[in-house]
N, C-alpha and C. Protein backbone atom coordinates (compact mmCIF):
# COMPACT_ATOMS: atom_id res chain seq x y z
N MET A 1 -25.61 56.72 24.80
CA MET A 1 -25.33 56.14 23.49
C MET A 1 -26.35 55.64 22.80
N LYS A 2 -26.87 56.23 21.60
CA LYS A 2 -28.00 55.86 20.82
C LYS A 2 -27.64 54.69 20.00
N ILE A 3 -28.44 53.53 20.09
CA ILE A 3 -27.91 52.50 18.97
C ILE A 3 -28.94 52.77 17.91
N THR A 4 -28.06 52.80 16.72
CA THR A 4 -28.93 52.92 15.29
C THR A 4 -29.02 51.65 14.76
N ARG A 5 -29.75 51.55 13.76
CA ARG A 5 -30.06 50.52 12.73
C ARG A 5 -28.79 50.08 12.10
N PRO A 6 -28.00 51.19 11.41
CA PRO A 6 -26.78 50.81 10.86
C PRO A 6 -25.82 50.11 11.97
N THR A 7 -25.92 50.46 13.17
CA THR A 7 -24.87 50.00 14.30
C THR A 7 -25.30 48.60 14.49
N ILE A 8 -26.63 48.34 14.43
CA ILE A 8 -27.00 46.74 14.74
C ILE A 8 -26.70 45.88 13.60
N VAL A 9 -26.83 46.42 12.52
CA VAL A 9 -26.59 45.70 11.27
C VAL A 9 -25.04 45.42 11.27
N ALA A 10 -24.08 46.36 11.50
CA ALA A 10 -22.63 46.18 11.64
C ALA A 10 -22.28 45.04 12.56
N ALA A 11 -22.85 45.28 13.80
CA ALA A 11 -22.57 44.15 14.84
C ALA A 11 -23.19 42.84 14.41
N PHE A 12 -24.33 42.76 13.76
CA PHE A 12 -24.50 41.27 13.36
C PHE A 12 -23.75 40.79 12.23
N ALA A 13 -23.48 41.54 11.49
CA ALA A 13 -22.34 41.27 10.41
C ALA A 13 -21.23 40.94 11.00
N ALA A 14 -20.57 41.64 11.96
CA ALA A 14 -19.20 41.04 12.58
C ALA A 14 -19.41 39.76 13.16
N ILE A 15 -20.66 39.66 13.94
CA ILE A 15 -20.71 38.31 14.69
C ILE A 15 -20.83 37.14 13.66
N LEU A 16 -21.59 37.48 12.48
CA LEU A 16 -21.61 36.23 11.48
C LEU A 16 -20.07 35.92 10.95
N LEU A 17 -19.60 36.99 10.72
CA LEU A 17 -18.22 36.85 10.14
C LEU A 17 -17.38 36.00 11.22
N ILE A 18 -17.29 36.47 12.44
CA ILE A 18 -16.63 35.54 13.43
C ILE A 18 -16.92 34.40 13.66
N SER A 19 -18.21 34.10 13.66
CA SER A 19 -18.88 32.65 13.81
C SER A 19 -18.45 31.83 12.59
N GLY A 20 -18.32 32.35 11.28
CA GLY A 20 -18.01 31.81 10.25
C GLY A 20 -16.57 31.25 10.10
N CYS A 21 -15.69 32.28 10.83
CA CYS A 21 -14.30 31.94 10.94
C CYS A 21 -14.04 30.85 11.99
N SER A 22 -14.83 30.63 12.81
CA SER A 22 -14.73 29.72 14.16
C SER A 22 -15.03 28.04 13.57
N SER A 23 -15.58 28.00 12.28
CA SER A 23 -15.91 26.52 11.97
C SER A 23 -14.51 26.24 11.19
N TYR A 24 -13.70 27.17 10.96
CA TYR A 24 -12.11 26.74 10.14
C TYR A 24 -11.44 25.63 10.88
N ARG A 25 -11.04 24.83 10.31
CA ARG A 25 -10.23 23.60 10.83
C ARG A 25 -8.92 23.57 9.82
N PRO A 26 -7.69 24.12 10.36
CA PRO A 26 -6.64 23.92 9.77
C PRO A 26 -6.15 22.38 9.29
N THR A 27 -5.79 22.20 8.15
CA THR A 27 -5.44 20.91 7.65
C THR A 27 -4.59 20.14 8.37
N PRO A 28 -4.63 18.93 9.08
CA PRO A 28 -3.57 18.28 9.93
C PRO A 28 -2.32 17.88 9.28
N SER A 29 -1.12 17.97 9.65
CA SER A 29 0.02 17.60 8.92
C SER A 29 -0.02 16.19 8.27
N ALA A 30 -0.73 15.19 9.19
CA ALA A 30 -0.66 14.04 8.37
C ALA A 30 -1.62 13.88 7.07
N PHE A 31 -2.47 14.98 7.01
CA PHE A 31 -3.34 15.00 5.81
C PHE A 31 -2.29 15.19 4.57
N HIS A 32 -1.41 15.96 4.59
CA HIS A 32 -0.70 15.81 3.32
C HIS A 32 0.42 15.07 3.21
N GLU A 33 1.01 14.55 4.38
CA GLU A 33 1.94 13.60 4.45
C GLU A 33 1.44 12.22 3.86
N ALA A 34 -0.02 11.98 3.84
CA ALA A 34 -0.50 10.97 3.31
C ALA A 34 -0.46 10.71 1.83
N ILE A 35 -0.13 12.04 1.26
CA ILE A 35 0.14 11.90 -0.37
C ILE A 35 1.31 11.09 -0.60
N ASN A 36 2.33 11.31 0.23
CA ASN A 36 3.58 11.01 -0.17
C ASN A 36 3.84 9.65 0.27
N GLN A 37 2.91 8.73 1.02
CA GLN A 37 3.10 7.45 1.60
C GLN A 37 2.66 6.32 0.58
N PRO A 38 3.16 5.28 0.81
CA PRO A 38 2.66 4.07 -0.01
C PRO A 38 1.11 4.04 0.06
N TYR A 39 0.57 3.43 -1.04
CA TYR A 39 -1.14 3.58 -0.98
C TYR A 39 -1.41 2.37 -0.05
N ILE A 40 -2.36 2.74 0.59
CA ILE A 40 -2.96 1.97 1.57
C ILE A 40 -4.39 1.23 1.07
N LEU A 41 -4.47 0.09 0.96
CA LEU A 41 -5.55 -0.61 0.36
C LEU A 41 -6.86 -0.46 1.44
N SER A 42 -8.02 -0.42 0.83
CA SER A 42 -9.31 -0.56 1.70
C SER A 42 -10.55 -1.01 0.76
N ALA A 43 -11.57 -1.09 1.46
CA ALA A 43 -12.79 -1.63 0.92
C ALA A 43 -13.19 -0.56 -0.52
N GLY A 44 -13.49 -1.48 -1.67
CA GLY A 44 -13.86 -0.85 -2.69
C GLY A 44 -12.70 -0.94 -3.93
N ASP A 45 -11.45 -1.09 -3.34
CA ASP A 45 -10.41 -1.39 -4.38
C ASP A 45 -10.67 -2.56 -5.18
N ARG A 46 -10.33 -2.74 -6.57
CA ARG A 46 -9.98 -3.82 -7.30
C ARG A 46 -8.76 -4.08 -7.70
N LEU A 47 -8.23 -5.48 -7.16
CA LEU A 47 -6.62 -5.40 -7.18
C LEU A 47 -6.47 -6.57 -8.45
N ARG A 48 -5.36 -6.65 -9.17
CA ARG A 48 -4.94 -7.61 -9.89
C ARG A 48 -3.81 -8.29 -9.49
N VAL A 49 -4.00 -9.62 -9.04
CA VAL A 49 -3.11 -10.44 -8.43
C VAL A 49 -2.68 -11.32 -9.46
N THR A 50 -1.24 -11.26 -9.94
CA THR A 50 -0.65 -12.27 -10.63
C THR A 50 0.37 -13.28 -9.78
N VAL A 51 0.35 -14.39 -10.25
CA VAL A 51 1.05 -15.52 -9.42
C VAL A 51 1.75 -16.04 -10.67
N PHE A 52 3.02 -15.87 -10.73
CA PHE A 52 3.80 -16.61 -11.89
C PHE A 52 3.69 -18.15 -12.19
N GLU A 53 3.44 -18.27 -13.36
CA GLU A 53 3.24 -19.71 -13.85
C GLU A 53 1.94 -20.42 -13.21
N GLN A 54 1.10 -19.51 -12.60
CA GLN A 54 -0.14 -20.04 -11.88
C GLN A 54 -1.41 -19.42 -12.51
N ASP A 55 -1.67 -19.63 -13.81
CA ASP A 55 -2.82 -19.11 -14.45
C ASP A 55 -4.17 -19.30 -13.84
N ALA A 56 -4.38 -20.11 -13.07
CA ALA A 56 -5.56 -20.38 -12.40
C ALA A 56 -5.87 -19.46 -11.10
N LEU A 57 -4.40 -19.02 -10.51
CA LEU A 57 -4.54 -18.08 -9.49
C LEU A 57 -4.60 -16.46 -9.73
N THR A 58 -4.09 -16.39 -11.27
CA THR A 58 -4.13 -14.96 -11.46
C THR A 58 -5.28 -14.63 -12.07
N ASN A 59 -5.76 -13.13 -11.45
CA ASN A 59 -7.03 -12.94 -11.48
C ASN A 59 -7.46 -11.50 -10.87
N THR A 60 -8.50 -10.88 -11.14
CA THR A 60 -8.72 -9.63 -10.44
C THR A 60 -9.59 -9.86 -9.25
N TYR A 61 -9.50 -9.46 -8.13
CA TYR A 61 -10.06 -9.54 -6.74
C TYR A 61 -10.51 -8.27 -6.28
N ALA A 62 -11.78 -8.22 -5.81
CA ALA A 62 -12.16 -7.15 -4.89
C ALA A 62 -11.93 -6.98 -3.51
N VAL A 63 -11.61 -5.96 -2.89
CA VAL A 63 -11.41 -5.76 -1.49
C VAL A 63 -13.09 -5.69 -0.88
N ASP A 64 -13.48 -6.72 -0.19
CA ASP A 64 -14.94 -6.57 0.37
C ASP A 64 -14.91 -5.71 1.56
N GLN A 65 -16.22 -5.25 1.81
CA GLN A 65 -16.54 -4.37 2.93
C GLN A 65 -15.72 -4.41 4.20
N ALA A 66 -15.44 -6.11 4.56
CA ALA A 66 -14.99 -6.20 5.72
C ALA A 66 -13.42 -6.15 5.55
N GLY A 67 -12.81 -5.77 4.36
CA GLY A 67 -11.65 -5.58 4.02
C GLY A 67 -10.60 -6.70 3.66
N TYR A 68 -11.32 -7.72 3.09
CA TYR A 68 -10.40 -8.96 2.65
C TYR A 68 -10.84 -9.38 1.24
N ILE A 69 -9.85 -10.01 0.72
CA ILE A 69 -9.96 -10.56 -0.61
C ILE A 69 -9.97 -12.00 -0.60
N ALA A 70 -11.15 -12.64 -1.44
CA ALA A 70 -11.25 -14.22 -1.36
C ALA A 70 -10.27 -14.51 -2.37
N PHE A 71 -9.30 -15.32 -1.88
CA PHE A 71 -8.05 -15.88 -2.84
C PHE A 71 -8.25 -17.28 -2.68
N PRO A 72 -8.16 -17.93 -3.96
CA PRO A 72 -8.20 -19.30 -4.15
C PRO A 72 -7.33 -20.01 -3.30
N LEU A 73 -7.40 -21.28 -2.91
CA LEU A 73 -6.52 -21.89 -1.95
C LEU A 73 -6.31 -21.79 -0.60
N VAL A 74 -6.24 -20.19 -0.22
CA VAL A 74 -5.84 -19.91 0.95
C VAL A 74 -7.21 -19.17 1.54
N GLY A 75 -8.23 -18.87 1.08
CA GLY A 75 -9.52 -18.26 1.42
C GLY A 75 -9.12 -16.73 1.63
N SER A 76 -9.60 -16.26 2.55
CA SER A 76 -9.80 -14.67 2.94
C SER A 76 -8.44 -14.17 3.42
N VAL A 77 -8.09 -13.27 2.72
CA VAL A 77 -6.64 -12.74 3.13
C VAL A 77 -6.89 -11.14 3.36
N PRO A 78 -6.30 -10.68 4.58
CA PRO A 78 -6.87 -9.21 5.02
C PRO A 78 -5.88 -8.16 4.05
N ALA A 79 -6.76 -7.44 3.36
CA ALA A 79 -6.09 -6.39 2.50
C ALA A 79 -6.37 -4.94 3.20
N ARG A 80 -7.48 -4.54 3.83
CA ARG A 80 -7.48 -3.20 4.40
C ARG A 80 -6.33 -2.77 5.36
N GLY A 81 -5.85 -1.61 5.07
CA GLY A 81 -4.78 -1.05 6.06
C GLY A 81 -3.42 -1.56 5.57
N ARG A 82 -3.32 -2.36 4.42
CA ARG A 82 -2.16 -2.91 3.83
C ARG A 82 -1.61 -2.28 2.70
N THR A 83 -0.14 -2.17 2.46
CA THR A 83 0.33 -1.63 1.27
C THR A 83 0.23 -2.84 0.31
N ILE A 84 0.56 -2.56 -0.98
CA ILE A 84 0.49 -3.51 -1.89
C ILE A 84 1.63 -4.51 -1.69
N LYS A 85 3.00 -4.22 -1.45
CA LYS A 85 4.07 -5.16 -1.09
C LYS A 85 3.59 -5.82 0.10
N GLN A 86 3.08 -5.50 1.21
CA GLN A 86 2.61 -6.17 2.32
C GLN A 86 1.68 -7.41 1.92
N LEU A 87 0.76 -7.02 0.99
CA LEU A 87 -0.21 -8.18 0.58
C LEU A 87 0.21 -9.13 -0.20
N GLU A 88 1.32 -8.67 -1.08
CA GLU A 88 2.09 -9.58 -2.02
C GLU A 88 2.69 -10.70 -1.11
N ALA A 89 3.43 -10.08 -0.13
CA ALA A 89 3.86 -11.00 0.93
C ALA A 89 3.14 -11.89 1.67
N ASP A 90 1.97 -11.37 2.15
CA ASP A 90 0.89 -12.16 2.76
C ASP A 90 0.52 -13.45 1.94
N ILE A 91 0.24 -13.02 0.82
CA ILE A 91 -0.31 -14.27 -0.12
C ILE A 91 0.69 -15.06 -0.49
N ALA A 92 2.03 -14.64 -0.46
CA ALA A 92 2.94 -15.63 -0.89
C ALA A 92 3.15 -16.37 0.27
N VAL A 93 3.22 -16.20 1.62
CA VAL A 93 3.49 -16.87 2.83
C VAL A 93 2.38 -17.96 2.83
N GLN A 94 1.29 -17.54 2.78
CA GLN A 94 0.10 -18.44 2.68
C GLN A 94 0.10 -19.44 1.63
N LEU A 95 0.62 -18.96 0.53
CA LEU A 95 0.56 -20.14 -0.63
C LEU A 95 1.81 -21.04 -0.41
N ARG A 96 2.91 -20.68 0.23
CA ARG A 96 3.96 -21.35 0.61
C ARG A 96 3.52 -22.55 1.74
N GLN A 97 2.35 -22.29 2.31
CA GLN A 97 2.04 -23.42 3.25
C GLN A 97 1.36 -24.54 2.74
N GLY A 98 1.98 -25.26 2.05
CA GLY A 98 1.53 -26.52 1.20
C GLY A 98 1.00 -26.37 -0.08
N PHE A 99 0.96 -25.11 -0.60
CA PHE A 99 0.40 -25.20 -1.88
C PHE A 99 1.34 -24.93 -3.02
N ILE A 100 2.15 -24.06 -3.02
CA ILE A 100 3.20 -23.67 -4.08
C ILE A 100 4.47 -23.49 -3.20
N ARG A 101 5.66 -24.33 -3.90
CA ARG A 101 6.80 -24.13 -3.18
C ARG A 101 7.47 -22.55 -3.05
N ASP A 102 7.64 -21.92 -4.31
CA ASP A 102 8.36 -20.58 -4.28
C ASP A 102 7.31 -19.92 -5.17
N PRO A 103 6.16 -19.44 -4.33
CA PRO A 103 5.51 -18.38 -5.24
C PRO A 103 5.86 -17.00 -5.58
N ASP A 104 5.56 -16.55 -6.64
CA ASP A 104 6.12 -15.13 -7.17
C ASP A 104 4.64 -14.40 -7.38
N VAL A 105 4.59 -13.63 -6.31
CA VAL A 105 3.25 -12.88 -6.40
C VAL A 105 3.50 -11.33 -6.63
N THR A 106 2.40 -11.00 -7.64
CA THR A 106 2.51 -9.55 -7.91
C THR A 106 0.99 -9.06 -7.76
N VAL A 107 1.11 -7.82 -6.98
CA VAL A 107 -0.40 -7.08 -7.03
C VAL A 107 -0.26 -5.79 -7.45
N GLU A 108 -1.29 -5.30 -8.10
CA GLU A 108 -1.46 -4.02 -8.65
C GLU A 108 -2.81 -3.39 -8.60
N VAL A 109 -3.07 -2.24 -8.51
CA VAL A 109 -4.51 -1.88 -8.08
C VAL A 109 -5.03 -1.88 -9.68
N ASP A 110 -6.29 -2.47 -9.89
CA ASP A 110 -6.74 -2.51 -11.28
C ASP A 110 -7.70 -1.20 -11.40
N GLN A 111 -8.44 -0.98 -10.01
CA GLN A 111 -9.31 0.04 -9.97
C GLN A 111 -9.31 0.71 -8.61
N TYR A 112 -9.27 2.12 -8.49
CA TYR A 112 -9.15 2.43 -7.07
C TYR A 112 -10.64 2.71 -6.52
N ARG A 113 -10.74 2.85 -5.36
CA ARG A 113 -12.02 3.06 -4.62
C ARG A 113 -12.49 4.48 -5.02
N PRO A 114 -13.93 4.56 -5.20
CA PRO A 114 -14.28 5.94 -5.68
C PRO A 114 -13.98 7.21 -4.89
N ILE A 115 -14.10 8.33 -5.34
CA ILE A 115 -14.10 9.64 -4.42
C ILE A 115 -15.66 10.03 -4.49
N PHE A 116 -15.86 11.23 -3.58
CA PHE A 116 -17.47 11.64 -3.60
C PHE A 116 -17.03 13.32 -3.78
N VAL A 117 -17.92 13.79 -4.44
CA VAL A 117 -17.85 15.08 -4.50
C VAL A 117 -19.20 15.72 -4.12
N MET A 118 -19.31 16.39 -3.13
CA MET A 118 -20.60 16.96 -2.60
C MET A 118 -20.78 18.59 -2.40
N GLY A 119 -21.79 19.08 -2.21
CA GLY A 119 -21.85 20.46 -2.05
C GLY A 119 -22.24 21.34 -3.29
N GLU A 120 -21.70 22.58 -3.39
CA GLU A 120 -22.17 23.53 -4.54
C GLU A 120 -21.40 22.98 -5.94
N VAL A 121 -21.70 22.02 -6.34
CA VAL A 121 -21.53 21.59 -7.60
C VAL A 121 -22.50 21.20 -8.58
N GLY A 122 -22.21 21.09 -9.85
CA GLY A 122 -23.41 20.75 -10.84
C GLY A 122 -23.96 19.44 -10.71
N SER A 123 -23.17 18.39 -10.20
CA SER A 123 -23.73 17.17 -10.21
C SER A 123 -23.06 16.37 -9.00
N ALA A 124 -23.47 16.44 -7.71
CA ALA A 124 -22.88 15.68 -6.57
C ALA A 124 -23.02 14.35 -6.75
N GLY A 125 -21.99 13.63 -6.41
CA GLY A 125 -21.99 12.31 -6.31
C GLY A 125 -20.80 11.53 -6.27
N GLN A 126 -20.91 10.12 -6.70
CA GLN A 126 -19.49 9.40 -6.53
C GLN A 126 -19.08 9.19 -7.94
N TYR A 127 -17.58 9.36 -7.80
CA TYR A 127 -16.88 9.46 -9.30
C TYR A 127 -15.66 8.44 -9.20
N SER A 128 -15.15 8.01 -10.07
CA SER A 128 -13.94 7.21 -10.30
C SER A 128 -12.69 7.88 -9.95
N TYR A 129 -11.87 7.35 -9.20
CA TYR A 129 -10.55 7.89 -8.79
C TYR A 129 -9.54 7.63 -9.95
N VAL A 130 -8.76 8.47 -10.34
CA VAL A 130 -7.53 8.16 -11.29
C VAL A 130 -6.47 8.63 -10.65
N PRO A 131 -5.37 8.14 -10.82
CA PRO A 131 -4.02 8.73 -10.43
C PRO A 131 -3.87 10.16 -11.02
N GLY A 132 -3.34 10.95 -10.19
CA GLY A 132 -3.05 12.34 -10.59
C GLY A 132 -4.37 13.48 -10.41
N LEU A 133 -5.37 12.91 -10.13
CA LEU A 133 -6.57 13.63 -9.83
C LEU A 133 -6.46 14.65 -8.62
N THR A 134 -6.86 16.12 -8.97
CA THR A 134 -6.75 17.16 -8.14
C THR A 134 -8.28 17.64 -7.61
N VAL A 135 -8.37 18.57 -6.64
CA VAL A 135 -9.77 18.79 -6.18
C VAL A 135 -10.42 19.53 -7.38
N GLN A 136 -9.66 20.41 -8.19
CA GLN A 136 -10.14 21.09 -9.10
C GLN A 136 -10.65 20.09 -10.36
N LYS A 137 -9.83 19.05 -10.75
CA LYS A 137 -10.31 17.94 -11.74
C LYS A 137 -11.51 17.35 -11.21
N ALA A 138 -11.40 17.08 -10.03
CA ALA A 138 -12.70 16.29 -9.49
C ALA A 138 -14.04 17.20 -9.52
N ILE A 139 -13.92 18.44 -9.22
CA ILE A 139 -15.15 19.42 -9.24
C ILE A 139 -15.50 19.52 -11.03
N ALA A 140 -14.45 19.69 -11.71
CA ALA A 140 -14.89 19.58 -13.15
C ALA A 140 -15.69 18.39 -13.48
N VAL A 141 -15.35 17.15 -13.16
CA VAL A 141 -16.01 16.08 -13.50
C VAL A 141 -17.38 16.08 -12.96
N ALA A 142 -17.48 16.64 -11.88
CA ALA A 142 -18.88 16.67 -11.01
C ALA A 142 -19.77 17.96 -11.56
N GLY A 143 -19.42 18.40 -12.72
CA GLY A 143 -20.09 19.24 -13.46
C GLY A 143 -19.77 20.69 -13.04
N GLY A 144 -18.41 21.04 -12.45
CA GLY A 144 -18.19 22.31 -12.12
C GLY A 144 -19.05 23.09 -10.97
N TYR A 145 -18.39 24.17 -10.74
CA TYR A 145 -19.16 24.81 -9.67
C TYR A 145 -20.44 25.23 -9.82
N SER A 146 -21.46 25.17 -8.87
CA SER A 146 -22.44 25.92 -8.92
C SER A 146 -22.44 27.56 -8.88
N ALA A 147 -23.59 28.16 -9.07
CA ALA A 147 -23.47 29.56 -9.13
C ALA A 147 -23.24 29.93 -7.58
N ARG A 148 -23.83 29.41 -6.61
CA ARG A 148 -23.40 29.76 -5.38
C ARG A 148 -22.20 29.20 -4.65
N ALA A 149 -21.27 28.66 -5.47
CA ALA A 149 -20.11 27.94 -4.75
C ALA A 149 -18.93 29.05 -4.21
N TYR A 150 -18.38 28.67 -3.28
CA TYR A 150 -17.35 29.45 -2.95
C TYR A 150 -15.88 28.64 -3.53
N GLN A 151 -15.26 29.40 -4.28
CA GLN A 151 -14.27 28.73 -5.14
C GLN A 151 -12.71 28.94 -4.63
N GLY A 152 -12.78 29.53 -3.63
CA GLY A 152 -11.03 29.64 -2.84
C GLY A 152 -10.60 28.45 -2.28
N ASN A 153 -11.42 27.71 -1.88
CA ASN A 153 -10.92 26.36 -1.16
C ASN A 153 -11.99 25.34 -0.98
N VAL A 154 -11.63 24.23 -0.53
CA VAL A 154 -12.73 23.28 -0.30
C VAL A 154 -12.54 22.40 1.11
N ASP A 155 -13.32 21.67 1.44
CA ASP A 155 -13.18 20.93 2.74
C ASP A 155 -13.08 19.49 2.04
N ILE A 156 -11.96 18.67 2.56
CA ILE A 156 -11.78 17.33 2.28
C ILE A 156 -11.76 16.30 3.58
N THR A 157 -12.45 15.35 3.41
CA THR A 157 -12.59 14.27 4.34
C THR A 157 -11.74 13.06 3.77
N ARG A 158 -10.87 12.57 4.68
CA ARG A 158 -9.91 11.41 4.42
C ARG A 158 -9.62 10.60 5.49
N GLU A 159 -9.50 9.33 5.21
CA GLU A 159 -9.20 8.25 6.34
C GLU A 159 -7.78 8.06 6.32
N ILE A 160 -7.14 8.47 7.35
CA ILE A 160 -5.61 8.26 7.58
C ILE A 160 -5.38 7.31 8.76
N ASN A 161 -4.58 6.16 8.66
CA ASN A 161 -4.27 5.34 9.73
C ASN A 161 -5.58 5.08 10.40
N GLY A 162 -6.55 4.94 9.82
CA GLY A 162 -7.76 4.30 10.51
C GLY A 162 -8.72 5.41 11.29
N LYS A 163 -8.22 6.70 11.08
CA LYS A 163 -8.95 7.73 11.53
C LYS A 163 -9.51 8.71 10.40
N VAL A 164 -10.64 9.31 10.60
CA VAL A 164 -11.01 10.00 9.68
C VAL A 164 -10.89 11.44 9.97
N MET A 165 -10.27 12.13 9.01
CA MET A 165 -9.79 13.72 9.32
C MET A 165 -10.58 14.54 8.26
N SER A 166 -10.62 15.70 8.53
CA SER A 166 -11.04 16.85 7.65
C SER A 166 -10.15 17.96 7.61
N GLY A 167 -10.12 18.68 6.75
CA GLY A 167 -9.21 19.77 6.55
C GLY A 167 -9.67 20.62 5.27
N ARG A 168 -9.47 21.95 5.44
CA ARG A 168 -9.50 22.78 4.39
C ARG A 168 -8.40 22.82 3.19
N VAL A 169 -8.45 22.59 2.13
CA VAL A 169 -7.40 22.44 1.11
C VAL A 169 -7.58 23.58 -0.10
N LYS A 170 -6.65 23.68 -0.58
CA LYS A 170 -6.41 24.56 -2.06
C LYS A 170 -7.18 23.68 -3.12
N THR A 171 -7.67 24.30 -4.04
CA THR A 171 -8.16 23.45 -5.30
C THR A 171 -6.96 22.72 -6.14
N SER A 172 -5.90 23.18 -6.03
CA SER A 172 -4.99 22.38 -6.61
C SER A 172 -4.46 21.30 -6.02
N ASP A 173 -4.64 21.04 -4.80
CA ASP A 173 -4.35 19.93 -3.98
C ASP A 173 -4.78 18.46 -4.60
N PRO A 174 -3.67 17.63 -4.66
CA PRO A 174 -4.05 16.05 -5.10
C PRO A 174 -5.17 15.55 -3.91
N LEU A 175 -6.05 14.45 -4.73
CA LEU A 175 -6.81 13.73 -4.08
C LEU A 175 -6.14 12.29 -3.85
N LEU A 176 -6.82 11.62 -2.80
CA LEU A 176 -6.38 10.18 -2.70
C LEU A 176 -7.61 9.57 -2.96
N PRO A 177 -7.95 8.22 -3.19
CA PRO A 177 -8.92 7.33 -3.54
C PRO A 177 -9.69 7.49 -2.05
N GLY A 178 -10.85 7.33 -2.15
CA GLY A 178 -11.89 7.37 -0.96
C GLY A 178 -12.13 8.70 -0.35
N ASP A 179 -11.25 10.02 -1.01
CA ASP A 179 -11.55 11.32 -0.38
C ASP A 179 -13.00 11.76 -0.72
N THR A 180 -13.59 12.50 0.28
CA THR A 180 -14.83 13.19 0.00
C THR A 180 -14.56 14.77 0.00
N VAL A 181 -14.88 15.30 -1.04
CA VAL A 181 -14.78 16.76 -1.52
C VAL A 181 -16.08 17.37 -1.13
N TYR A 182 -15.90 18.73 -0.37
CA TYR A 182 -17.10 19.40 -0.22
C TYR A 182 -16.86 20.88 -0.39
N VAL A 183 -17.87 21.26 -1.47
CA VAL A 183 -17.55 22.73 -2.02
C VAL A 183 -18.59 23.40 -1.12
N ARG A 184 -18.11 24.44 -0.42
CA ARG A 184 -19.16 25.26 0.37
C ARG A 184 -19.83 26.40 -0.54
N GLU A 185 -20.83 26.69 0.13
CA GLU A 185 -21.61 27.99 -0.35
C GLU A 185 -21.03 29.25 0.06
N ARG A 186 -20.81 30.00 -0.91
CA ARG A 186 -20.30 31.45 -0.40
C ARG A 186 -21.44 32.32 0.23
N LEU A 187 -20.75 33.20 1.05
CA LEU A 187 -21.82 33.97 2.08
C LEU A 187 -22.42 35.00 1.16
N PHE A 188 -21.45 35.59 0.37
CA PHE A 188 -22.58 36.76 -0.36
C PHE A 188 -21.99 36.78 -2.08
């Protein structure tokens, strides 16, 4: 059998195609389930804490890199990995310990932690998260696709239950605060 140049080129193209498919990682089921779960706080979130009839305690507090907020009277309160309702209860319990008889505490997210858009976009970088943000909208905020971008789907990296997971999603999928979007380069 004589090996010709077109045969070598076809074999090489098949190897490239197969190797490109081997890097595909299906999206874990927990990835999409996280969208429907209560919001989990983490570093970079800014929270508005209201203590009814306690104007001196009502303020905006940032979750620091260690995952805590510095709250008057009680000190550092763990926020990372907690829901808003859990944090409200934690602050109320700590205020009850000798500070306020029956505190009424409300917590809401004032500003979410940012998302990151990388790869083949006009201006890769860090962007503010707003509720309802989809992959497509995040790419638009980042200057749209570059001329070399693959526009079929993107890779997302997301922290779920303390584990960092990556998966390939459609551009219509919603994002969560802290997500990293990576737009791949097309092969041809």
